[in-house]
Amino acid sequence: MTTLLFSGAAVAGGGSSMPMGTTIAGIVSNDPNFSTLLAAVKAAGLVETLSSPGPFTVFAPTNAAFAKIPQADLNALLNDPAQLKAVLLYHVVAGKVTASQVMGMSSGTTINGADVNVSMMDGKVMINDATVTKADIMASNGVIHVIDTVLMP
């Protein structure tokens, strides 16, 4: 059943055209830079959520961002679905918030209920301690902003 949720080809990092109907889950599943995020989303049971109409704004950590977490800590997180879900939902804000809107904010409330801090540093948008490395990847159910560090609530 999950293979149906991931139909449609889109590569977020490559700037290829994105067919309408490509969800946040679909974009993440088709971009090799998000394979760890995809595994975490599956482990936390959030595939259907990120395939639903939304809209959502997702701060999506790359594989390199997950690699900053010590392996033992990452394994423990991946094996604790409740904690994993809390961490992943800390990367999601309700509604479609574009980069220009994010830059006008000082904080945002995530779906897990906790706030993230938004700031500018050296001309880059920061979400807590994470730098937004690519913004405004549009999905049919929201928008993705790529970040270089996993956010911890």
C-alpha atoms as a PDB file:
ATOM      1  CA  MET A   1       0.000   0.000   0.000  1.00  0.00           C
ATOM      2  CA  THR A   2       2.755   2.497   0.814  1.00  0.00           C
ATOM      3  CA  THR A   3       4.173   2.266  -2.712  1.00  0.00           C
ATOM      4  CA  LEU A   4       1.005   3.937  -3.969  1.00  0.00           C
ATOM      5  CA  LEU A   5       1.654   6.888  -1.686  1.00  0.00           C
ATOM      6  CA  PHE A   6       5.089   7.436  -3.193  1.00  0.00           C
ATOM      7  CA  SER A   7       4.161   7.509  -6.882  1.00  0.00           C
ATOM      8  CA  GLY A   8       5.399  10.428  -8.943  1.00  0.00           C
ATOM      9  CA  ALA A   9       8.972  11.395  -9.684  1.00  0.00           C
ATOM     10  CA  ALA A  10      10.458  14.530  -8.199  1.00  0.00           C
ATOM     11  CA  VAL A  11      13.947  15.354  -7.051  1.00  0.00           C
ATOM     12  CA  ALA A  12      13.864  18.230  -4.609  1.00  0.00           C
ATOM     13  CA  GLY A  13      17.579  18.962  -4.835  1.00  0.00           C
ATOM     14  CA  GLY A  14      17.770  18.823  -8.628  1.00  0.00           C
ATOM     15  CA  GLY A  15      15.188  21.410  -9.566  1.00  0.00           C
ATOM     16  CA  SER A  16      13.374  19.014 -11.889  1.00  0.00           C
ATOM     17  CA  SER A  17       9.771  19.708 -12.703  1.00  0.00           C
ATOM     18  CA  MET A  18       7.322  18.448 -10.131  1.00  0.00           C
ATOM     19  CA  PRO A  19       4.056  16.947 -11.327  1.00  0.00           C
ATOM     20  CA  MET A  20       0.913  18.199  -9.636  1.00  0.00           C
ATOM     21  CA  GLY A  21      -0.194  15.819  -6.930  1.00  0.00           C
ATOM     22  CA  THR A  22       3.325  15.253  -5.653  1.00  0.00           C
ATOM     23  CA  THR A  23       3.014  15.252  -1.872  1.00  0.00           C
ATOM     24  CA  ILE A  24       5.643  16.064   0.718  1.00  0.00           C
ATOM     25  CA  ALA A  25       5.972  12.303   1.347  1.00  0.00           C
ATOM     26  CA  GLY A  26       6.388  11.700  -2.395  1.00  0.00           C
ATOM     27  CA  ILE A  27       9.130  14.306  -2.766  1.00  0.00           C
ATOM     28  CA  VAL A  28      11.000  12.979   0.289  1.00  0.00           C
ATOM     29  CA  SER A  29      10.726   9.382  -0.966  1.00  0.00           C
ATOM     30  CA  ASN A  30      12.129  10.275  -4.393  1.00  0.00           C
ATOM     31  CA  ASP A  31      15.135  12.314  -3.216  1.00  0.00           C
ATOM     32  CA  PRO A  32      18.147  10.221  -2.124  1.00  0.00           C
ATOM     33  CA  ASN A  33      19.280  13.078   0.174  1.00  0.00           C
ATOM     34  CA  PHE A  34      16.273  12.312   2.380  1.00  0.00           C
ATOM     35  CA  SER A  35      16.624   8.516   2.735  1.00  0.00           C
ATOM     36  CA  THR A  36      17.203   8.722   6.519  1.00  0.00           C
ATOM     37  CA  LEU A  37      14.246  11.101   6.910  1.00  0.00           C
ATOM     38  CA  LEU A  38      12.113   8.721   4.846  1.00  0.00           C
ATOM     39  CA  ALA A  39      13.105   5.757   7.051  1.00  0.00           C
ATOM     40  CA  ALA A  40      12.265   7.825  10.144  1.00  0.00           C
ATOM     41  CA  VAL A  41       8.888   8.929   8.718  1.00  0.00           C
ATOM     42  CA  LYS A  42       8.037   5.287   7.953  1.00  0.00           C
ATOM     43  CA  ALA A  43       9.209   4.110  11.403  1.00  0.00           C
ATOM     44  CA  ALA A  44       7.063   6.781  13.083  1.00  0.00           C
ATOM     45  CA  GLY A  45       3.997   5.940  10.991  1.00  0.00           C
ATOM     46  CA  LEU A  46       3.780   9.428   9.482  1.00  0.00           C
ATOM     47  CA  VAL A  47       3.662   8.539   5.758  1.00  0.00           C
ATOM     48  CA  GLU A  48      -0.111   8.975   5.564  1.00  0.00           C
ATOM     49  CA  THR A  49       0.063  12.277   7.463  1.00  0.00           C
ATOM     50  CA  LEU A  50       2.623  13.714   5.017  1.00  0.00           C
ATOM     51  CA  SER A  51       0.541  12.406   2.108  1.00  0.00           C
ATOM     52  CA  SER A  52      -2.697  13.982   3.391  1.00  0.00           C
ATOM     53  CA  PRO A  53      -4.056  17.284   2.030  1.00  0.00           C
ATOM     54  CA  GLY A  54      -2.388  19.449   4.701  1.00  0.00           C
ATOM     55  CA  PRO A  55      -1.151  21.985   4.028  1.00  0.00           C
ATOM     56  CA  PHE A  56       2.081  21.579   5.949  1.00  0.00           C
ATOM     57  CA  THR A  57       5.442  23.287   6.095  1.00  0.00           C
ATOM     58  CA  VAL A  58       8.231  20.763   6.683  1.00  0.00           C
ATOM     59  CA  PHE A  59      11.765  21.623   7.745  1.00  0.00           C
ATOM     60  CA  ALA A  60      13.394  18.546   6.205  1.00  0.00           C
ATOM     61  CA  PRO A  61      16.779  17.423   7.532  1.00  0.00           C
ATOM     62  CA  THR A  62      19.097  15.792   4.987  1.00  0.00           C
ATOM     63  CA  ASN A  63      21.032  12.560   5.505  1.00  0.00           C
ATOM     64  CA  ALA A  64      24.027  14.734   6.451  1.00  0.00           C
ATOM     65  CA  ALA A  65      21.912  16.369   9.181  1.00  0.00           C
ATOM     66  CA  PHE A  66      20.982  12.959  10.610  1.00  0.00           C
ATOM     67  CA  ALA A  67      24.669  11.935  10.381  1.00  0.00           C
ATOM     68  CA  LYS A  68      25.496  14.652  12.964  1.00  0.00           C
ATOM     69  CA  ILE A  69      23.548  12.648  15.578  1.00  0.00           C
ATOM     70  CA  PRO A  70      25.724  10.018  17.306  1.00  0.00           C
ATOM     71  CA  GLN A  71      24.830   6.596  15.825  1.00  0.00           C
ATOM     72  CA  ALA A  72      23.753   5.107  19.159  1.00  0.00           C
ATOM     73  CA  ASP A  73      21.416   8.068  19.789  1.00  0.00           C
ATOM     74  CA  LEU A  74      19.991   7.850  16.257  1.00  0.00           C
ATOM     75  CA  ASN A  75      19.400   4.091  16.601  1.00  0.00           C
ATOM     76  CA  ALA A  76      17.672   4.613  19.961  1.00  0.00           C
ATOM     77  CA  LEU A  77      15.460   7.296  18.406  1.00  0.00           C
ATOM     78  CA  LEU A  78      14.576   5.123  15.386  1.00  0.00           C
ATOM     79  CA  ASN A  79      13.603   2.304  17.767  1.00  0.00           C
ATOM     80  CA  ASP A  80      11.324   4.513  19.916  1.00  0.00           C
ATOM     81  CA  PRO A  81       8.314   5.325  17.697  1.00  0.00           C
ATOM     82  CA  ALA A  82       6.702   7.724  20.202  1.00  0.00           C
ATOM     83  CA  GLN A  83       9.875   9.779  20.690  1.00  0.00           C
ATOM     84  CA  LEU A  84      10.645   9.613  16.963  1.00  0.00           C
ATOM     85  CA  LYS A  85       7.165  10.896  16.120  1.00  0.00           C
ATOM     86  CA  ALA A  86       7.607  13.783  18.598  1.00  0.00           C
ATOM     87  CA  VAL A  87      10.953  14.736  17.023  1.00  0.00           C
ATOM     88  CA  LEU A  88       9.610  14.502  13.458  1.00  0.00           C
ATOM     89  CA  LEU A  89       6.470  16.530  14.247  1.00  0.00           C
ATOM     90  CA  TYR A  90       8.819  19.193  15.672  1.00  0.00           C
ATOM     91  CA  HIS A  91       9.894  19.677  12.018  1.00  0.00           C
ATOM     92  CA  VAL A  92       6.326  20.357  10.801  1.00  0.00           C
ATOM     93  CA  VAL A  93       4.276  23.559  11.007  1.00  0.00           C
ATOM     94  CA  ALA A  94       0.592  23.636  10.052  1.00  0.00           C
ATOM     95  CA  GLY A  95      -0.104  25.653   6.910  1.00  0.00           C
ATOM     96  CA  LYS A  96       2.013  26.571   3.897  1.00  0.00           C
ATOM     97  CA  VAL A  97       4.731  28.989   5.034  1.00  0.00           C
ATOM     98  CA  THR A  98       7.030  30.201   2.255  1.00  0.00           C
ATOM     99  CA  ALA A  99      10.606  31.384   2.776  1.00  0.00           C
ATOM    100  CA  SER A 100       9.595  35.046   2.541  1.00  0.00           C
ATOM    101  CA  GLN A 101       6.967  34.454   5.255  1.00  0.00           C
ATOM    102  CA  VAL A 102       9.445  32.504   7.428  1.00  0.00           C
ATOM    103  CA  MET A 103      11.921  35.407   7.248  1.00  0.00           C
ATOM    104  CA  GLY A 104       9.297  37.698   8.812  1.00  0.00           C
ATOM    105  CA  MET A 105       8.790  35.412  11.821  1.00  0.00           C
ATOM    106  CA  SER A 106      10.675  35.136  15.095  1.00  0.00           C
ATOM    107  CA  SER A 107       9.134  31.788  16.042  1.00  0.00           C
ATOM    108  CA  GLY A 108       6.645  29.202  14.886  1.00  0.00           C
ATOM    109  CA  THR A 109       4.554  26.577  16.647  1.00  0.00           C
ATOM    110  CA  THR A 110       5.138  23.059  15.372  1.00  0.00           C
ATOM    111  CA  ILE A 111       2.567  20.281  15.147  1.00  0.00           C
ATOM    112  CA  ASN A 112       4.110  18.661  18.248  1.00  0.00           C
ATOM    113  CA  GLY A 113       3.109  21.803  20.185  1.00  0.00           C
ATOM    114  CA  ALA A 114       6.586  23.206  20.859  1.00  0.00           C
ATOM    115  CA  ASP A 115       7.905  26.392  19.260  1.00  0.00           C
ATOM    116  CA  VAL A 116      10.944  26.735  17.002  1.00  0.00           C
ATOM    117  CA  ASN A 117      12.971  29.946  16.955  1.00  0.00           C
ATOM    118  CA  VAL A 118      13.412  31.681  13.600  1.00  0.00           C
ATOM    119  CA  SER A 119      16.310  34.078  13.047  1.00  0.00           C
ATOM    120  CA  MET A 120      18.665  35.442  10.411  1.00  0.00           C
ATOM    121  CA  MET A 121      22.417  34.883  10.653  1.00  0.00           C
ATOM    122  CA  ASP A 122      24.915  35.929   7.977  1.00  0.00           C
ATOM    123  CA  GLY A 123      22.073  36.301   5.478  1.00  0.00           C
ATOM    124  CA  LYS A 124      20.755  32.792   6.107  1.00  0.00           C
ATOM    125  CA  VAL A 125      17.516  31.724   7.736  1.00  0.00           C
ATOM    126  CA  MET A 126      18.016  29.734  10.933  1.00  0.00           C
ATOM    127  CA  ILE A 127      15.451  27.431  12.538  1.00  0.00           C
ATOM    128  CA  ASN A 128      16.813  26.969  16.079  1.00  0.00           C
ATOM    129  CA  ASP A 129      20.438  25.917  15.325  1.00  0.00           C
ATOM    130  CA  ALA A 130      19.678  24.593  11.818  1.00  0.00           C
ATOM    131  CA  THR A 131      20.418  26.540   8.634  1.00  0.00           C
ATOM    132  CA  VAL A 132      17.879  26.483   5.815  1.00  0.00           C
ATOM    133  CA  THR A 133      19.981  25.333   2.838  1.00  0.00           C
ATOM    134  CA  LYS A 134      17.189  25.195   0.231  1.00  0.00           C
ATOM    135  CA  ALA A 135      13.779  26.828   0.534  1.00  0.00           C
ATOM    136  CA  ASP A 136      10.375  26.711  -1.114  1.00  0.00           C
ATOM    137  CA  ILE A 137      10.277  23.204  -2.572  1.00  0.00           C
ATOM    138  CA  MET A 138       6.591  23.233  -3.417  1.00  0.00           C
ATOM    139  CA  ALA A 139       4.467  20.133  -2.876  1.00  0.00           C
ATOM    140  CA  SER A 140       0.798  19.564  -3.591  1.00  0.00           C
ATOM    141  CA  ASN A 141       0.130  19.585   0.172  1.00  0.00           C
ATOM    142  CA  GLY A 142       2.572  22.242   1.366  1.00  0.00           C
ATOM    143  CA  VAL A 143       6.173  23.309   1.174  1.00  0.00           C
ATOM    144  CA  ILE A 144       9.557  21.858   2.171  1.00  0.00           C
ATOM    145  CA  HIS A 145      12.534  23.848   3.450  1.00  0.00           C
ATOM    146  CA  VAL A 146      15.746  21.784   3.592  1.00  0.00           C
ATOM    147  CA  ILE A 147      17.799  22.129   6.802  1.00  0.00           C
ATOM    148  CA  ASP A 148      21.309  21.003   7.758  1.00  0.00           C
ATOM    149  CA  THR A 149      20.626  19.922  11.356  1.00  0.00           C
ATOM    150  CA  VAL A 150      17.952  17.743  12.979  1.00  0.00           C
ATOM    151  CA  LEU A 151      15.764  19.847  15.291  1.00  0.00           C
ATOM    152  CA  MET A 152      15.381  18.440  18.810  1.00  0.00           C
ATOM    153  CA  PRO A 153      12.382  19.538  20.886  1.00  0.00           C
END
